[in-house]
C-alpha atoms as a PDB file:
ATOM      1  CA  MET A   1      12.432  18.830 -29.005  1.00  0.00           C
ATOM      2  CA  THR A   2       9.195  18.888 -27.235  1.00  0.00           C
ATOM      3  CA  TYR A   3       8.944  15.238 -26.998  1.00  0.00           C
ATOM      4  CA  ALA A   4      12.682  15.198 -25.496  1.00  0.00           C
ATOM      5  CA  VAL A   5      10.780  17.069 -22.906  1.00  0.00           C
ATOM      6  CA  LEU A   6       8.377  14.833 -22.344  1.00  0.00           C
ATOM      7  CA  VAL A   7       9.983  12.361 -21.363  1.00  0.00           C
ATOM      8  CA  ALA A   8      12.516  13.946 -19.463  1.00  0.00           C
ATOM      9  CA  LEU A   9       9.381  15.102 -17.653  1.00  0.00           C
ATOM     10  CA  ASP A  10       8.057  11.800 -17.444  1.00  0.00           C
ATOM     11  CA  LEU A  11      11.289  10.341 -15.727  1.00  0.00           C
ATOM     12  CA  LEU A  12      11.537  11.952 -13.309  1.00  0.00           C
ATOM     13  CA  MET A  13       8.317  12.237 -12.209  1.00  0.00           C
ATOM     14  CA  VAL A  14       8.435   8.503 -11.753  1.00  0.00           C
ATOM     15  CA  GLY A  15      11.938   8.211 -10.554  1.00  0.00           C
ATOM     16  CA  ILE A  16       9.841  10.527  -7.388  1.00  0.00           C
ATOM     17  CA  LEU A  17       7.281   7.751  -7.539  1.00  0.00           C
ATOM     18  CA  THR A  18       9.326   4.944  -7.343  1.00  0.00           C
ATOM     19  CA  PHE A  19      12.797   5.779  -5.114  1.00  0.00           C
ATOM     20  CA  GLY A  20      10.894   8.765  -3.403  1.00  0.00           C
ATOM     21  CA  LEU A  21       8.544   7.158  -2.387  1.00  0.00           C
ATOM     22  CA  TYR A  22       7.138   3.336  -3.168  1.00  0.00           C
ATOM     23  CA  PHE A  23      11.408   1.876  -2.002  1.00  0.00           C
ATOM     24  CA  ARG A  24      11.536   5.012   0.917  1.00  0.00           C
ATOM     25  CA  ARG A  25       8.646   3.415   1.796  1.00  0.00           C
ATOM     26  CA  HIS A  26       7.780  -0.183   1.282  1.00  0.00           C
ATOM     27  CA  HIS A  27      11.755  -1.420   0.076  1.00  0.00           C
ATOM     28  CA  ARG A  28      10.275  -3.687  -2.166  1.00  0.00           C
ATOM     29  CA  ARG A  29      12.675  -4.521  -4.972  1.00  0.00           C
ATOM     30  CA  ASP A  30      11.925  -6.122  -7.365  1.00  0.00           C
ATOM     31  CA  LEU A  31       8.348  -4.027  -8.076  1.00  0.00           C
ATOM     32  CA  VAL A  32      11.489  -0.572  -8.826  1.00  0.00           C
ATOM     33  CA  VAL A  33      11.808  -2.096 -12.306  1.00  0.00           C
ATOM     34  CA  ALA A  34       8.428  -2.641 -12.713  1.00  0.00           C
ATOM     35  CA  PHE A  35       6.373  -0.021 -11.745  1.00  0.00           C
ATOM     36  CA  LEU A  36       9.736   1.896 -14.555  1.00  0.00           C
ATOM     37  CA  GLY A  37       9.031  -0.537 -16.556  1.00  0.00           C
ATOM     38  CA  VAL A  38       5.860  -0.419 -17.319  1.00  0.00           C
ATOM     39  CA  ASN A  39       6.925   3.325 -17.144  1.00  0.00           C
ATOM     40  CA  VAL A  40       8.902   3.952 -20.092  1.00  0.00           C
ATOM     41  CA  GLY A  41       7.153   1.059 -22.588  1.00  0.00           C
ATOM     42  CA  VAL A  42       3.941   2.582 -22.049  1.00  0.00           C
ATOM     43  CA  LEU A  43       5.399   6.384 -22.878  1.00  0.00           C
ATOM     44  CA  ALA A  44       6.913   4.908 -25.974  1.00  0.00           C
ATOM     45  CA  VAL A  45       3.963   3.015 -27.564  1.00  0.00           C
ATOM     46  CA  SER A  46       2.007   5.549 -26.938  1.00  0.00           C
ATOM     47  CA  MET A  47       4.475   8.098 -28.306  1.00  0.00           C
ATOM     48  CA  VAL A  48       4.244   5.948 -31.621  1.00  0.00           C
ATOM     49  CA  LEU A  49       0.863   5.464 -31.302  1.00  0.00           C
ATOM     50  CA  GLY A  50       0.115   9.298 -31.486  1.00  0.00           C
ATOM     51  CA  SER A  51       2.165   9.866 -34.394  1.00  0.00           C
ATOM     52  CA  SER A  52       1.274   6.791 -36.114  1.00  0.00           C
ATOM     53  CA  THR A  53      -2.440   6.093 -38.110  1.00  0.00           C
ATOM     54  CA  ILE A  54      -2.431   2.755 -35.560  1.00  0.00           C
ATOM     55  CA  GLY A  55      -5.804   3.997 -33.454  1.00  0.00           C
ATOM     56  CA  ALA A  56      -4.323   5.171 -30.104  1.00  0.00           C
ATOM     57  CA  GLY A  57      -7.746   3.380 -28.828  1.00  0.00           C
ATOM     58  CA  LEU A  58      -6.138  -0.398 -29.540  1.00  0.00           C
ATOM     59  CA  GLY A  59      -3.428   0.550 -28.102  1.00  0.00           C
ATOM     60  CA  LEU A  60      -4.278   0.664 -25.040  1.00  0.00           C
ATOM     61  CA  GLY A  61      -6.741  -1.049 -24.703  1.00  0.00           C
ATOM     62  CA  LEU A  62      -3.631  -3.530 -25.371  1.00  0.00           C
ATOM     63  CA  PHE A  63      -0.961  -2.624 -22.262  1.00  0.00           C
ATOM     64  CA  GLY A  64      -4.739  -2.411 -20.261  1.00  0.00           C
ATOM     65  CA  VAL A  65      -4.833  -6.718 -21.090  1.00  0.00           C
ATOM     66  CA  LEU A  66      -1.412  -6.591 -20.100  1.00  0.00           C
ATOM     67  CA  SER A  67      -1.205  -5.322 -17.976  1.00  0.00           C
ATOM     68  CA  ILE A  68      -3.854  -7.214 -15.970  1.00  0.00           C
ATOM     69  CA  ILE A  69      -2.535 -10.398 -16.740  1.00  0.00           C
ATOM     70  CA  ARG A  70       0.985  -9.238 -14.803  1.00  0.00           C
ATOM     71  CA  LEU A  71      -1.205  -8.125 -12.003  1.00  0.00           C
ATOM     72  CA  ARG A  72      -2.504 -11.850 -11.759  1.00  0.00           C
ATOM     73  CA  SER A  73       0.427 -13.985 -12.730  1.00  0.00           C
ATOM     74  CA  ASP A  74       2.373 -12.553  -8.694  1.00  0.00           C
ATOM     75  CA  GLU A  75       0.692 -11.476  -5.902  1.00  0.00           C
ATOM     76  CA  ILE A  76       0.847  -7.571  -4.811  1.00  0.00           C
ATOM     77  CA  ALA A  77      -0.946  -5.883  -2.263  1.00  0.00           C
ATOM     78  CA  GLN A  78      -3.744  -2.814  -2.544  1.00  0.00           C
ATOM     79  CA  HIS A  79      -1.487   0.040  -1.999  1.00  0.00           C
ATOM     80  CA  GLU A  80       1.241  -1.740  -4.708  1.00  0.00           C
ATOM     81  CA  VAL A  81      -1.292  -1.633  -7.269  1.00  0.00           C
ATOM     82  CA  ALA A  82      -1.712   1.840  -6.932  1.00  0.00           C
ATOM     83  CA  TYR A  83       1.561   2.997  -7.924  1.00  0.00           C
ATOM     84  CA  TYR A  84       1.222   0.596 -11.354  1.00  0.00           C
ATOM     85  CA  PHE A  85      -1.254   2.005 -12.254  1.00  0.00           C
ATOM     86  CA  SER A  86      -0.030   5.804 -11.932  1.00  0.00           C
ATOM     87  CA  ALA A  87       3.651   4.196 -13.280  1.00  0.00           C
ATOM     88  CA  LEU A  88       1.560   4.143 -16.131  1.00  0.00           C
ATOM     89  CA  ALA A  89      -1.488   6.487 -15.761  1.00  0.00           C
ATOM     90  CA  LEU A  90       3.076   8.501 -16.089  1.00  0.00           C
ATOM     91  CA  GLY A  91       3.526   7.529 -18.823  1.00  0.00           C
ATOM     92  CA  LEU A  92       0.507   7.932 -20.838  1.00  0.00           C
ATOM     93  CA  LEU A  93       0.629  11.852 -19.129  1.00  0.00           C
ATOM     94  CA  ALA A  94       3.536  11.953 -20.813  1.00  0.00           C
ATOM     95  CA  GLY A  95       2.850  10.266 -23.860  1.00  0.00           C
ATOM     96  CA  LEU A  96       0.190  11.443 -25.819  1.00  0.00           C
ATOM     97  CA  GLY A  97       0.950  14.950 -25.584  1.00  0.00           C
ATOM     98  CA  SER A  98       2.182  15.957 -28.195  1.00  0.00           C
ATOM     99  CA  THR A  99       2.936  19.458 -26.765  1.00  0.00           C
ATOM    100  CA  LEU A 100       4.071  20.074 -22.939  1.00  0.00           C
ATOM    101  CA  SER A 101       0.864  22.285 -21.363  1.00  0.00           C
ATOM    102  CA  VAL A 102      -0.344  22.856 -17.947  1.00  0.00           C
ATOM    103  CA  LEU A 103      -2.803  21.025 -18.220  1.00  0.00           C
ATOM    104  CA  SER A 104      -0.367  17.031 -18.148  1.00  0.00           C
ATOM    105  CA  ILE A 105       2.088  18.210 -15.291  1.00  0.00           C
ATOM    106  CA  SER A 106      -0.831  19.681 -13.749  1.00  0.00           C
ATOM    107  CA  LEU A 107      -2.445  16.341 -13.581  1.00  0.00           C
ATOM    108  CA  MET A 108       1.528  14.315 -13.066  1.00  0.00           C
ATOM    109  CA  VAL A 109       1.838  16.494  -9.686  1.00  0.00           C
ATOM    110  CA  LEU A 110      -1.362  15.379  -9.173  1.00  0.00           C
ATOM    111  CA  ILE A 111      -0.861  11.733  -9.090  1.00  0.00           C
ATOM    112  CA  LEU A 112       2.761  12.018  -7.220  1.00  0.00           C
ATOM    113  CA  ALA A 113       0.162  14.582  -4.448  1.00  0.00           C
ATOM    114  CA  VAL A 114      -2.101  12.022  -4.177  1.00  0.00           C
ATOM    115  CA  MET A 115       0.102   9.223  -3.384  1.00  0.00           C
ATOM    116  CA  PHE A 116       2.545  10.676  -1.022  1.00  0.00           C
ATOM    117  CA  VAL A 117      -0.614  11.503   1.037  1.00  0.00           C
ATOM    118  CA  GLY A 118      -3.351   7.879   0.301  1.00  0.00           C
ATOM    119  CA  ASP A 119       0.475   6.658   1.196  1.00  0.00           C
ATOM    120  CA  SER A 120       1.659   8.152   4.124  1.00  0.00           C
ATOM    121  CA  ARG A 121       1.842   6.397   6.879  1.00  0.00           C
ATOM    122  CA  ARG A 122       0.566   9.651   9.098  1.00  0.00           C
ATOM    123  CA  LEU A 123      -3.135   9.117   7.918  1.00  0.00           C
ATOM    124  CA  PHE A 124      -4.814   6.732  10.247  1.00  0.00           C
ATOM    125  CA  PRO A 125      -1.174   5.859  11.635  1.00  0.00           C
ATOM    126  CA  ARG A 126      -3.783   3.379  14.490  1.00  0.00           C
ATOM    127  CA  HIS A 127      -5.076   1.181  12.079  1.00  0.00           C
ATOM    128  CA  ARG A 128      -4.299  -1.682  11.844  1.00  0.00           C
ATOM    129  CA  GLN A 129      -5.406  -5.225   9.159  1.00  0.00           C
ATOM    130  CA  GLN A 130      -4.152  -8.435   9.650  1.00  0.00           C
ATOM    131  CA  SER A 131      -4.377 -12.119   8.481  1.00  0.00           C
ATOM    132  CA  ILE A 132      -4.882 -14.030  12.008  1.00  0.00           C
ATOM    133  CA  VAL A 133      -5.187 -18.594  11.776  1.00  0.00           C
ATOM    134  CA  LEU A 134      -6.161 -19.320  15.133  1.00  0.00           C
ATOM    135  CA  ASP A 135      -5.782 -22.615  16.728  1.00  0.00           C
ATOM    136  CA  ARG A 136      -9.364 -22.525  18.161  1.00  0.00           C
ATOM    137  CA  ALA A 137     -12.925 -22.940  16.409  1.00  0.00           C
ATOM    138  CA  PHE A 138     -14.614 -19.941  17.143  1.00  0.00           C
ATOM    139  CA  THR A 139     -19.148 -20.190  16.171  1.00  0.00           C
ATOM    140  CA  ASP A 140     -19.722 -17.101  18.553  1.00  0.00           C
ATOM    141  CA  GLU A 141     -18.458 -13.731  16.570  1.00  0.00           C
ATOM    142  CA  PRO A 142     -18.803 -11.152  19.682  1.00  0.00           C
ATOM    143  CA  ALA A 143     -16.554 -14.601  22.163  1.00  0.00           C
ATOM    144  CA  LEU A 144     -13.737 -14.264  18.655  1.00  0.00           C
ATOM    145  CA  THR A 145     -14.325 -10.507  18.507  1.00  0.00           C
ATOM    146  CA  ALA A 146     -13.027 -10.566  21.725  1.00  0.00           C
ATOM    147  CA  HIS A 147     -10.709 -12.734  21.318  1.00  0.00           C
ATOM    148  CA  LEU A 148      -9.081 -10.910  18.720  1.00  0.00           C
ATOM    149  CA  GLU A 149      -9.263  -8.166  20.478  1.00  0.00           C
ATOM    150  CA  GLN A 150      -7.059  -9.450  24.475  1.00  0.00           C
ATOM    151  CA  LEU A 151      -5.294 -10.500  21.484  1.00  0.00           C
ATOM    152  CA  LEU A 152      -4.058  -7.819  19.671  1.00  0.00           C
ATOM    153  CA  GLY A 153      -4.495  -5.271  22.354  1.00  0.00           C
ATOM    154  CA  GLY A 154      -6.791  -2.760  20.314  1.00  0.00           C
ATOM    155  CA  ARG A 155     -10.148  -2.851  20.250  1.00  0.00           C
ATOM    156  CA  VAL A 156     -11.750  -4.278  16.890  1.00  0.00           C
ATOM    157  CA  LYS A 157     -13.423  -2.588  13.860  1.00  0.00           C
ATOM    158  CA  GLN A 158     -14.113  -5.520  11.473  1.00  0.00           C
ATOM    159  CA  VAL A 159     -13.672  -8.973  11.724  1.00  0.00           C
ATOM    160  CA  GLN A 160     -14.911 -11.652   8.226  1.00  0.00           C
ATOM    161  CA  VAL A 161     -14.345 -14.856   8.632  1.00  0.00           C
ATOM    162  CA  LYS A 162     -12.144 -16.940   5.964  1.00  0.00           C
ATOM    163  CA  SER A 163     -12.631 -20.564   6.969  1.00  0.00           C
ATOM    164  CA  LEU A 164     -14.423 -22.587   9.738  1.00  0.00           C
ATOM    165  CA  ASP A 165     -12.961 -25.399  10.428  1.00  0.00           C
ATOM    166  CA  LEU A 166     -14.551 -27.531  12.908  1.00  0.00           C
ATOM    167  CA  VAL A 167     -12.116 -30.321  12.050  1.00  0.00           C
ATOM    168  CA  ASN A 168      -9.241 -29.218  12.986  1.00  0.00           C
ATOM    169  CA  ASP A 169     -10.475 -26.507  15.691  1.00  0.00           C
ATOM    170  CA  THR A 170      -8.669 -23.477  13.435  1.00  0.00           C
ATOM    171  CA  THR A 171     -10.637 -20.409  12.424  1.00  0.00           C
ATOM    172  CA  VAL A 172      -8.441 -18.257  10.413  1.00  0.00           C
ATOM    173  CA  VAL A 173      -9.242 -14.243  10.088  1.00  0.00           C
ATOM    174  CA  ASP A 174      -9.057 -11.090   8.522  1.00  0.00           C
ATOM    175  CA  VAL A 175      -8.913  -8.487  11.099  1.00  0.00           C
ATOM    176  CA  ARG A 176      -9.309  -5.313  11.026  1.00  0.00           C
ATOM    177  CA  TYR A 177      -8.552  -2.545  14.475  1.00  0.00           C
ATOM    178  CA  THR A 178      -7.022  -0.039  15.895  1.00  0.00           C
ATOM    179  CA  VAL A 179      -4.926  -0.110  18.588  1.00  0.00           C
ATOM    180  CA  PRO A 180      -4.123   2.089  21.362  1.00  0.00           C
ATOM    181  CA  ASP A 181      -2.233   5.538  21.537  1.00  0.00           C
ATOM    182  CA  ALA A 182       1.789   5.032  21.878  1.00  0.00           C
ATOM    183  CA  ARG A 183       2.189   8.329  23.669  1.00  0.00           C
ATOM    184  CA  ALA A 184      -0.773   7.839  25.955  1.00  0.00           C
ATOM    185  CA  ALA A 185      -0.113   4.778  27.299  1.00  0.00           C
ATOM    186  CA  ALA A 186       4.174   5.690  27.742  1.00  0.00           C
ATOM    187  CA  PRO A 187       3.200   7.724  30.910  1.00  0.00           C
ATOM    188  CA  ALA A 188       1.289   4.203  32.686  1.00  0.00           C
ATOM    189  CA  VAL A 189       4.215   1.719  32.168  1.00  0.00           C
ATOM    190  CA  ASP A 190       6.874   5.385  33.631  1.00  0.00           C
ATOM    191  CA  VAL A 191       5.233   5.565  36.492  1.00  0.00           C
ATOM    192  CA  ALA A 192       4.360   1.958  37.064  1.00  0.00           C
ATOM    193  CA  ALA A 193       8.007   0.603  36.674  1.00  0.00           C
ATOM    194  CA  PRO A 194       9.583   2.232  40.345  1.00  0.00           C
ATOM    195  CA  ALA A 195       7.146   0.355  41.837  1.00  0.00           C
ATOM    196  CA  ALA A 196       8.428  -3.522  40.893  1.00  0.00           C
ATOM    197  CA  PRO A 197      11.601  -2.997  43.060  1.00  0.00           C
ATOM    198  CA  ALA A 198      10.226  -1.995  45.997  1.00  0.00           C
ATOM    199  CA  ALA A 199       7.858  -4.982  46.106  1.00  0.00           C
ATOM    200  CA  ARG A 200      10.887  -7.243  45.788  1.00  0.00           C
ATOM    201  CA  ALA A 201      12.478  -5.355  48.192  1.00  0.00           C
ATOM    202  CA  GLU A 202      10.070  -5.819  50.569  1.00  0.00           C
ATOM    203  CA  ALA A 203       9.603  -9.409  49.384  1.00  0.00           C
ATOM    204  CA  VAL A 204      13.417 -10.375  49.948  1.00  0.00           C
ATOM    205  CA  ALA A 205      12.284  -8.554  53.549  1.00  0.00           C
ATOM    206  CA  ARG A 206      10.357 -10.740  54.639  1.00  0.00           C
END
């Protein structure tokens, strides 16, 4: 009966993580099956290892190797790596526990809470990151920063030049920047908009 409760609890937690948090925010369907498969697979094997004479450390080591191979075989974003290991951790917490304890439940809830807050769009909403290919070779960093700020309409916080091609006159950069607060910029647009028809009418009259 205890194992059934642990399985049900794990499925509930990974369902919230996958469908309530990840898919609702990022809408990447292929990773849904990856998160669910990793979670249930780890849950099943850890339960078997916990009830047999095979060392749990050996089983966890094998899962670590498989996880690294999976992550290197297909490029995924850093936040998706966090979801990947959160699903794995939920399976381990449910599978390695022979009884339903307050500690296991608390740790599962903690994982969901951390992912909810850490992946929230309200956390640093003005901060952006882009990889950009520029049709000009920039050897001067201040000039590069000024060009990026004009291009992106924000304030550059950090620039890392990935590639500088002086032959083809291109620059590949990874830039982290902040955008202006949309609420602060909105009144300026509303005030300036009515002036345009008047200017056009005056030009026609002349």
